[in-house]
N, C-alpha and C. Protein backbone atom coordinates (compact mmCIF):
# COMPACT_ATOMS: atom_id res chain seq x y z
N MET A 1 128.33 145.64 147.31
CA MET A 1 127.59 144.42 147.18
C MET A 1 127.89 143.53 148.39
N LYS A 2 126.84 143.03 149.02
CA LYS A 2 127.01 142.13 150.16
C LYS A 2 127.37 140.74 149.64
N THR A 3 128.24 140.07 150.38
CA THR A 3 128.66 138.73 149.99
C THR A 3 128.46 137.75 151.13
N MET A 4 128.60 136.47 150.78
CA MET A 4 128.49 135.40 151.77
C MET A 4 129.49 134.32 151.41
N LEU A 5 129.78 133.45 152.36
CA LEU A 5 130.64 132.30 152.09
C LEU A 5 129.76 131.14 151.67
N ALA A 6 130.23 130.39 150.68
CA ALA A 6 129.49 129.23 150.19
C ALA A 6 130.46 128.10 149.91
N ALA A 7 130.08 126.89 150.27
CA ALA A 7 130.85 125.70 149.90
C ALA A 7 130.32 125.27 148.54
N ARG A 8 131.21 125.27 147.54
CA ARG A 8 130.77 124.98 146.17
C ARG A 8 131.55 123.81 145.59
N LEU A 9 130.83 123.01 144.81
CA LEU A 9 131.42 121.85 144.14
C LEU A 9 131.51 122.18 142.65
N HIS A 10 132.71 122.15 142.10
CA HIS A 10 132.91 122.49 140.68
C HIS A 10 133.15 121.26 139.81
N GLU A 11 133.44 120.13 140.44
CA GLU A 11 133.71 118.91 139.69
C GLU A 11 133.26 117.73 140.53
N ILE A 12 132.52 116.80 139.90
CA ILE A 12 132.06 115.62 140.62
C ILE A 12 133.28 114.88 141.17
N GLY A 13 133.26 114.56 142.46
CA GLY A 13 134.35 113.86 143.10
C GLY A 13 135.46 114.78 143.58
N GLY A 14 135.41 116.05 143.15
CA GLY A 14 136.42 117.02 143.57
C GLY A 14 136.11 117.55 144.96
N PRO A 15 137.02 118.35 145.48
CA PRO A 15 136.79 118.90 146.82
C PRO A 15 135.81 120.08 146.78
N LEU A 16 135.14 120.31 147.90
CA LEU A 16 134.35 121.52 148.04
C LEU A 16 135.32 122.68 148.23
N SER A 17 135.00 123.81 147.65
CA SER A 17 135.83 124.99 147.88
C SER A 17 134.97 126.05 148.56
N ILE A 18 135.56 126.73 149.51
CA ILE A 18 134.87 127.80 150.21
C ILE A 18 135.12 129.08 149.43
N GLU A 19 134.04 129.71 148.95
CA GLU A 19 134.15 130.89 148.10
C GLU A 19 133.25 132.00 148.62
N ARG A 20 133.68 133.21 148.38
CA ARG A 20 132.86 134.37 148.70
C ARG A 20 132.07 134.73 147.44
N ILE A 21 130.73 134.71 147.56
CA ILE A 21 129.87 134.98 146.42
C ILE A 21 128.85 136.06 146.81
N PRO A 22 128.27 136.75 145.81
CA PRO A 22 127.26 137.76 146.12
C PRO A 22 126.02 137.13 146.76
N ILE A 23 125.44 137.82 147.71
CA ILE A 23 124.17 137.37 148.29
C ILE A 23 123.08 137.67 147.27
N PRO A 24 122.31 136.67 146.86
CA PRO A 24 121.26 136.92 145.88
C PRO A 24 120.23 137.92 146.42
N GLU A 25 119.73 138.74 145.53
CA GLU A 25 118.67 139.69 145.91
C GLU A 25 117.35 138.93 145.95
N PRO A 26 116.65 138.96 147.09
CA PRO A 26 115.38 138.25 147.14
C PRO A 26 114.33 138.95 146.28
N ARG A 27 113.49 138.13 145.64
CA ARG A 27 112.37 138.66 144.87
C ARG A 27 111.25 138.97 145.86
N PRO A 28 110.19 139.64 145.43
CA PRO A 28 109.11 140.00 146.35
C PRO A 28 108.48 138.82 147.07
N THR A 29 108.53 137.64 146.46
CA THR A 29 107.91 136.46 147.10
C THR A 29 108.93 135.59 147.83
N ASP A 30 110.19 136.01 147.90
CA ASP A 30 111.25 135.25 148.56
C ASP A 30 111.45 135.73 150.01
N VAL A 31 112.07 134.87 150.78
CA VAL A 31 112.45 135.21 152.15
C VAL A 31 113.95 135.01 152.25
N LEU A 32 114.66 135.98 152.78
CA LEU A 32 116.10 135.88 152.97
C LEU A 32 116.36 135.44 154.40
N VAL A 33 117.10 134.34 154.55
CA VAL A 33 117.40 133.78 155.86
C VAL A 33 118.90 133.92 156.11
N ALA A 34 119.27 134.46 157.26
CA ALA A 34 120.67 134.59 157.62
C ALA A 34 121.08 133.32 158.35
N ALA A 35 121.95 132.52 157.74
CA ALA A 35 122.44 131.29 158.36
C ALA A 35 123.72 131.63 159.13
N LYS A 36 123.70 131.40 160.42
CA LYS A 36 124.88 131.68 161.26
C LYS A 36 125.85 130.50 161.25
N ALA A 37 125.32 129.31 161.03
CA ALA A 37 126.15 128.11 160.97
C ALA A 37 125.34 127.02 160.28
N CYS A 38 126.02 126.03 159.75
CA CYS A 38 125.32 124.90 159.15
C CYS A 38 126.17 123.65 159.31
N GLY A 39 125.52 122.53 159.23
CA GLY A 39 126.22 121.26 159.37
C GLY A 39 126.44 120.64 158.00
N VAL A 40 127.15 119.53 158.00
CA VAL A 40 127.39 118.78 156.78
C VAL A 40 126.77 117.40 156.97
N VAL A 41 126.05 116.95 155.97
CA VAL A 41 125.41 115.65 156.02
C VAL A 41 126.48 114.56 156.11
N PRO A 42 126.35 113.60 157.05
CA PRO A 42 127.37 112.55 157.18
C PRO A 42 127.62 111.79 155.89
N ASN A 43 126.63 111.66 155.03
CA ASN A 43 126.73 110.91 153.79
C ASN A 43 127.22 111.79 152.63
N LEU A 44 127.66 113.02 152.90
CA LEU A 44 128.00 113.97 151.84
C LEU A 44 129.10 113.46 150.92
N LYS A 45 130.10 112.76 151.45
CA LYS A 45 131.18 112.26 150.58
C LYS A 45 130.62 111.34 149.51
N ASN A 46 129.70 110.45 149.88
CA ASN A 46 129.09 109.57 148.88
C ASN A 46 128.31 110.36 147.84
N VAL A 47 127.56 111.35 148.29
CA VAL A 47 126.78 112.17 147.36
C VAL A 47 127.70 112.88 146.38
N LEU A 48 128.79 113.47 146.88
CA LEU A 48 129.70 114.24 146.03
C LEU A 48 130.49 113.38 145.06
N THR A 49 130.79 112.14 145.43
CA THR A 49 131.58 111.28 144.54
C THR A 49 130.71 110.42 143.62
N LYS A 50 129.46 110.20 143.99
CA LYS A 50 128.58 109.34 143.18
C LYS A 50 127.42 110.11 142.56
N TRP A 51 127.57 111.43 142.49
CA TRP A 51 126.49 112.29 142.00
C TRP A 51 125.97 111.84 140.63
N ARG A 52 126.85 111.66 139.66
CA ARG A 52 126.43 111.28 138.29
C ARG A 52 125.71 109.95 138.27
N GLU A 53 126.18 109.01 139.09
CA GLU A 53 125.56 107.69 139.14
C GLU A 53 124.17 107.75 139.77
N TRP A 54 124.05 108.49 140.86
CA TRP A 54 122.80 108.56 141.59
C TRP A 54 121.81 109.54 140.98
N PHE A 55 122.31 110.65 140.45
CA PHE A 55 121.44 111.72 139.94
C PHE A 55 121.86 112.13 138.53
N PRO A 56 121.78 111.23 137.54
CA PRO A 56 122.23 111.59 136.19
C PRO A 56 121.41 112.73 135.58
N TYR A 57 120.23 112.96 136.08
CA TYR A 57 119.37 114.02 135.57
C TYR A 57 119.60 115.35 136.29
N LEU A 58 120.57 115.42 137.20
CA LEU A 58 120.87 116.65 137.93
C LEU A 58 122.33 117.07 137.71
N PRO A 59 122.67 117.55 136.52
CA PRO A 59 124.06 117.94 136.29
C PRO A 59 124.43 119.21 137.04
N LEU A 60 125.73 119.40 137.25
CA LEU A 60 126.19 120.64 137.86
C LEU A 60 125.95 121.79 136.88
N PRO A 61 125.54 122.96 137.35
CA PRO A 61 125.19 124.05 136.44
C PRO A 61 126.41 124.67 135.76
N LYS A 62 126.20 125.12 134.52
CA LYS A 62 127.20 125.87 133.76
C LYS A 62 126.45 127.00 133.04
N LEU A 63 127.20 127.88 132.44
CA LEU A 63 126.58 128.95 131.68
C LEU A 63 125.90 128.38 130.45
N SER A 64 124.78 128.94 130.08
CA SER A 64 124.06 128.45 128.91
C SER A 64 124.00 129.53 127.84
N ALA A 65 123.59 129.13 126.66
CA ALA A 65 123.49 130.04 125.52
C ALA A 65 122.03 130.42 125.30
N ILE A 66 121.81 131.28 124.34
CA ILE A 66 120.46 131.66 123.93
C ILE A 66 120.10 130.79 122.72
N LEU A 67 119.04 130.02 122.82
CA LEU A 67 118.62 129.14 121.74
C LEU A 67 117.21 129.52 121.31
N GLY A 68 116.97 129.52 120.02
CA GLY A 68 115.65 129.88 119.52
C GLY A 68 115.18 128.89 118.48
N THR A 69 113.88 128.60 118.52
CA THR A 69 113.29 127.73 117.50
C THR A 69 112.14 128.48 116.84
N GLY A 70 111.80 128.05 115.66
CA GLY A 70 110.68 128.66 114.95
C GLY A 70 110.50 128.02 113.60
N ARG A 71 109.46 128.47 112.89
CA ARG A 71 109.16 127.91 111.57
C ARG A 71 109.79 128.72 110.45
N ASN A 72 110.06 130.00 110.66
CA ASN A 72 110.54 130.90 109.62
C ASN A 72 112.07 130.96 109.66
N GLN A 73 112.72 130.24 108.73
CA GLN A 73 114.18 130.17 108.72
C GLN A 73 114.82 131.54 108.51
N ALA A 74 114.24 132.37 107.67
CA ALA A 74 114.81 133.71 107.43
C ALA A 74 114.80 134.53 108.71
N LEU A 75 113.73 134.45 109.48
CA LEU A 75 113.66 135.18 110.75
C LEU A 75 114.66 134.60 111.75
N LEU A 76 114.78 133.29 111.78
CA LEU A 76 115.76 132.66 112.68
C LEU A 76 117.17 133.12 112.33
N ASP A 77 117.47 133.23 111.04
CA ASP A 77 118.80 133.70 110.62
C ASP A 77 119.05 135.13 111.08
N ARG A 78 118.02 135.97 111.03
CA ARG A 78 118.16 137.36 111.48
C ARG A 78 118.41 137.41 112.99
N VAL A 79 117.71 136.55 113.74
CA VAL A 79 117.90 136.49 115.19
C VAL A 79 119.33 136.05 115.51
N LYS A 80 119.81 135.01 114.84
CA LYS A 80 121.17 134.52 115.08
C LYS A 80 122.21 135.60 114.76
N ALA A 81 121.95 136.42 113.75
CA ALA A 81 122.89 137.47 113.36
C ALA A 81 123.08 138.51 114.45
N LEU A 82 122.16 138.60 115.41
CA LEU A 82 122.30 139.57 116.51
C LEU A 82 123.52 139.28 117.36
N ALA A 83 123.82 138.01 117.58
CA ALA A 83 124.99 137.61 118.38
C ALA A 83 125.35 136.17 117.99
N PRO A 84 126.00 136.00 116.84
CA PRO A 84 126.26 134.65 116.32
C PRO A 84 126.97 133.70 117.27
N SER A 85 127.85 134.23 118.13
CA SER A 85 128.57 133.34 119.04
C SER A 85 127.74 132.92 120.25
N ARG A 86 126.63 133.61 120.52
CA ARG A 86 125.81 133.31 121.70
C ARG A 86 124.45 132.72 121.36
N ILE A 87 123.98 132.93 120.14
CA ILE A 87 122.61 132.52 119.79
C ILE A 87 122.65 131.34 118.82
N GLY A 88 121.92 130.30 119.17
CA GLY A 88 121.74 129.15 118.29
C GLY A 88 120.28 129.08 117.88
N VAL A 89 120.01 128.68 116.65
CA VAL A 89 118.62 128.60 116.18
C VAL A 89 118.37 127.24 115.55
N LEU A 90 117.13 126.81 115.60
CA LEU A 90 116.72 125.52 115.05
C LEU A 90 115.35 125.69 114.41
N ALA A 91 115.23 125.32 113.14
CA ALA A 91 113.93 125.33 112.48
C ALA A 91 113.11 124.15 112.99
N VAL A 92 111.86 124.42 113.34
CA VAL A 92 110.98 123.39 113.88
C VAL A 92 110.87 122.22 112.90
N GLY A 93 110.96 121.02 113.45
CA GLY A 93 110.83 119.82 112.64
C GLY A 93 112.15 119.26 112.15
N LYS A 94 113.23 120.00 112.26
CA LYS A 94 114.54 119.51 111.81
C LYS A 94 115.12 118.48 112.78
N ARG A 95 114.79 118.64 114.06
CA ARG A 95 115.37 117.81 115.12
C ARG A 95 114.57 118.04 116.40
N ARG A 96 114.59 117.08 117.31
CA ARG A 96 113.93 117.28 118.60
C ARG A 96 114.64 118.40 119.36
N VAL A 97 113.88 119.31 119.94
CA VAL A 97 114.44 120.46 120.65
C VAL A 97 115.27 120.00 121.85
N GLN A 98 114.76 119.04 122.61
CA GLN A 98 115.50 118.57 123.79
C GLN A 98 116.88 118.06 123.40
N GLU A 99 116.95 117.23 122.37
CA GLU A 99 118.23 116.66 121.92
C GLU A 99 119.18 117.78 121.47
N TRP A 100 118.67 118.70 120.68
CA TRP A 100 119.47 119.82 120.18
C TRP A 100 120.00 120.69 121.31
N ALA A 101 119.11 121.04 122.25
CA ALA A 101 119.50 121.89 123.37
C ALA A 101 120.54 121.21 124.25
N PHE A 102 120.36 119.92 124.52
CA PHE A 102 121.33 119.21 125.35
C PHE A 102 122.68 119.10 124.66
N ASP A 103 122.68 118.90 123.34
CA ASP A 103 123.95 118.85 122.61
C ASP A 103 124.70 120.18 122.69
N LEU A 104 123.98 121.28 122.64
CA LEU A 104 124.61 122.61 122.66
C LEU A 104 125.01 123.07 124.06
N THR A 105 124.48 122.44 125.09
CA THR A 105 124.76 122.87 126.46
C THR A 105 125.51 121.80 127.27
N GLU A 106 126.23 120.94 126.58
CA GLU A 106 126.97 119.86 127.24
C GLU A 106 126.08 119.05 128.17
N GLN A 107 124.88 118.73 127.70
CA GLN A 107 123.90 117.92 128.41
C GLN A 107 123.31 118.61 129.63
N GLU A 108 123.48 119.92 129.76
CA GLU A 108 122.96 120.68 130.90
C GLU A 108 121.49 121.03 130.74
N GLY A 109 121.09 121.43 129.56
CA GLY A 109 119.74 121.93 129.34
C GLY A 109 119.73 123.45 129.39
N VAL A 110 118.57 124.02 129.15
CA VAL A 110 118.44 125.47 129.06
C VAL A 110 117.82 126.06 130.32
N ASP A 111 118.06 127.35 130.53
CA ASP A 111 117.54 128.04 131.71
C ASP A 111 116.04 128.29 131.62
N ALA A 112 115.56 128.64 130.44
CA ALA A 112 114.15 129.01 130.30
C ALA A 112 113.63 128.65 128.92
N VAL A 113 112.34 128.38 128.88
CA VAL A 113 111.63 128.11 127.64
C VAL A 113 110.40 129.01 127.62
N ILE A 114 110.20 129.71 126.52
CA ILE A 114 108.95 130.46 126.33
C ILE A 114 108.24 129.77 125.18
N ASP A 115 107.17 129.08 125.47
CA ASP A 115 106.46 128.26 124.50
C ASP A 115 105.28 129.05 123.93
N THR A 116 105.29 129.28 122.63
CA THR A 116 104.23 130.05 121.97
C THR A 116 103.49 129.22 120.93
N LEU A 117 103.39 127.93 121.17
CA LEU A 117 102.74 127.03 120.21
C LEU A 117 101.26 127.37 120.05
N PRO A 118 100.74 127.21 118.83
CA PRO A 118 99.30 127.45 118.60
C PRO A 118 98.46 126.30 119.13
N PRO A 119 97.13 126.52 119.27
CA PRO A 119 96.24 125.49 119.81
C PRO A 119 96.25 124.17 119.04
N SER A 120 96.60 124.20 117.78
CA SER A 120 96.61 122.97 116.98
C SER A 120 97.84 122.11 117.22
N SER A 121 98.79 122.59 118.00
CA SER A 121 100.03 121.83 118.24
C SER A 121 99.79 120.66 119.18
N PRO A 122 100.49 119.55 118.93
CA PRO A 122 100.36 118.41 119.85
C PRO A 122 101.07 118.70 121.17
N SER A 123 100.59 118.12 122.23
CA SER A 123 101.22 118.33 123.53
C SER A 123 102.65 117.80 123.54
N SER A 124 102.97 116.84 122.67
CA SER A 124 104.33 116.30 122.62
C SER A 124 105.35 117.38 122.24
N ALA A 125 104.94 118.37 121.45
CA ALA A 125 105.86 119.46 121.08
C ALA A 125 106.22 120.29 122.32
N MET A 126 105.23 120.56 123.16
CA MET A 126 105.51 121.32 124.38
C MET A 126 106.32 120.48 125.36
N GLN A 127 106.01 119.20 125.45
CA GLN A 127 106.76 118.31 126.34
C GLN A 127 108.22 118.27 125.93
N ASP A 128 108.49 118.27 124.63
CA ASP A 128 109.86 118.24 124.13
C ASP A 128 110.65 119.45 124.62
N VAL A 129 110.07 120.64 124.54
CA VAL A 129 110.81 121.83 124.98
C VAL A 129 110.94 121.88 126.50
N LEU A 130 109.92 121.42 127.23
CA LEU A 130 110.02 121.39 128.69
C LEU A 130 111.11 120.42 129.13
N ASN A 131 111.29 119.34 128.39
CA ASN A 131 112.34 118.37 128.72
C ASN A 131 113.74 118.91 128.43
N ALA A 132 113.82 120.05 127.74
CA ALA A 132 115.12 120.68 127.47
C ALA A 132 115.57 121.56 128.63
N LEU A 133 114.72 121.74 129.65
CA LEU A 133 115.07 122.61 130.78
C LEU A 133 116.10 121.96 131.69
N ARG A 134 117.01 122.77 132.18
CA ARG A 134 118.02 122.33 133.14
C ARG A 134 117.44 122.41 134.55
N ARG A 135 118.22 122.00 135.51
CA ARG A 135 117.84 122.15 136.92
C ARG A 135 117.60 123.63 137.21
N GLY A 136 116.48 123.94 137.84
CA GLY A 136 116.12 125.31 138.14
C GLY A 136 115.51 126.06 136.98
N GLY A 137 115.29 125.36 135.87
CA GLY A 137 114.74 126.01 134.67
C GLY A 137 113.27 126.39 134.82
N ARG A 138 112.87 127.34 133.99
CA ARG A 138 111.49 127.80 134.02
C ARG A 138 110.89 127.71 132.62
N GLY A 139 109.72 127.12 132.54
CA GLY A 139 108.96 127.08 131.30
C GLY A 139 107.79 128.03 131.41
N VAL A 140 107.60 128.86 130.39
CA VAL A 140 106.48 129.79 130.36
C VAL A 140 105.61 129.42 129.16
N ASN A 141 104.33 129.21 129.41
CA ASN A 141 103.40 128.86 128.35
C ASN A 141 102.60 130.10 127.95
N ILE A 142 102.86 130.58 126.75
CA ILE A 142 102.12 131.71 126.19
C ILE A 142 101.16 131.20 125.12
N GLY A 143 101.46 130.02 124.60
CA GLY A 143 100.67 129.46 123.51
C GLY A 143 99.38 128.84 124.01
N GLY A 144 98.81 128.02 123.16
CA GLY A 144 97.52 127.43 123.51
C GLY A 144 97.41 125.99 123.11
N VAL A 145 98.37 125.14 123.50
CA VAL A 145 98.31 123.73 123.16
C VAL A 145 96.98 123.19 123.66
N GLY A 146 96.19 122.63 122.75
CA GLY A 146 94.84 122.21 123.09
C GLY A 146 94.75 120.86 123.77
N GLU A 147 95.74 120.02 123.62
CA GLU A 147 95.72 118.69 124.21
C GLU A 147 96.16 118.73 125.67
N PRO A 148 95.71 117.77 126.49
CA PRO A 148 96.25 117.67 127.85
C PRO A 148 97.76 117.40 127.79
N LEU A 149 98.49 117.96 128.73
CA LEU A 149 99.95 117.84 128.76
C LEU A 149 100.37 116.92 129.89
N PRO A 150 100.89 115.72 129.56
CA PRO A 150 101.38 114.84 130.63
C PRO A 150 102.71 115.39 131.15
N LEU A 151 102.82 115.56 132.45
CA LEU A 151 104.03 116.10 133.06
C LEU A 151 104.69 115.07 133.96
N ASN A 152 106.00 115.02 133.92
CA ASN A 152 106.76 114.18 134.83
C ASN A 152 107.03 115.02 136.08
N VAL A 153 106.07 115.02 137.01
CA VAL A 153 106.20 115.90 138.17
C VAL A 153 107.35 115.49 139.08
N HIS A 154 107.74 114.22 139.06
CA HIS A 154 108.89 113.80 139.87
C HIS A 154 110.16 114.48 139.35
N ARG A 155 110.35 114.50 138.03
CA ARG A 155 111.51 115.18 137.44
C ARG A 155 111.45 116.68 137.73
N MET A 156 110.27 117.26 137.57
CA MET A 156 110.11 118.70 137.82
C MET A 156 110.47 119.05 139.26
N MET A 157 110.01 118.24 140.21
CA MET A 157 110.31 118.49 141.62
C MET A 157 111.80 118.31 141.89
N GLY A 158 112.36 117.20 141.43
CA GLY A 158 113.77 116.90 141.70
C GLY A 158 114.72 117.89 141.06
N MET A 159 114.29 118.50 139.96
CA MET A 159 115.16 119.45 139.26
C MET A 159 114.72 120.90 139.47
N ASN A 160 113.74 121.10 140.36
CA ASN A 160 113.28 122.45 140.68
C ASN A 160 112.85 123.21 139.43
N ILE A 161 112.10 122.54 138.57
CA ILE A 161 111.62 123.13 137.31
C ILE A 161 110.23 123.72 137.55
N GLN A 162 110.02 124.91 137.01
CA GLN A 162 108.73 125.57 137.15
C GLN A 162 108.05 125.70 135.79
N LEU A 163 106.75 125.54 135.77
CA LEU A 163 105.94 125.78 134.58
C LEU A 163 104.99 126.93 134.95
N ILE A 164 105.09 128.01 134.20
CA ILE A 164 104.34 129.22 134.49
C ILE A 164 103.37 129.52 133.38
N GLY A 165 102.13 129.84 133.72
CA GLY A 165 101.14 130.25 132.73
C GLY A 165 101.24 131.74 132.48
N SER A 166 100.75 132.17 131.36
CA SER A 166 100.91 133.58 131.00
C SER A 166 99.65 134.41 131.19
N CYS A 167 98.55 133.79 131.53
CA CYS A 167 97.29 134.55 131.67
C CYS A 167 97.01 134.91 133.13
């Protein structure tokens, strides 16, 4: 496995550590760039120490769990039984998905959402699950929400969130 050196921040206000990490495999639509050298932004110390204050919506990434929602509690229980320590389930209507997901991920959010809502669902239901995405998260729409969906494109851009259609 090919590796590279990376300066990584593990704690807000903490020092950067130089670590050897695997070079990510580019996808067919990606371009791999070999960086021979790079600079450091003069304002980097302020960014690293004031990150939470300046960017409260951009938490540092951590590992996330598998979370599932649905209407059929018996089916949700069967899904959770596959890996009880890794899978969390929530019956629709018991609680807002965003709030639940953030509570379970230490306010990080989830990596991906696959939305299968029927056409009769309000757009607010889809907005709730999209708001549960973490930085770099991907939302996939397989359902057919019939209402227009208001999107916070500034948040999506700043957090590198993608919304993907399934057709």
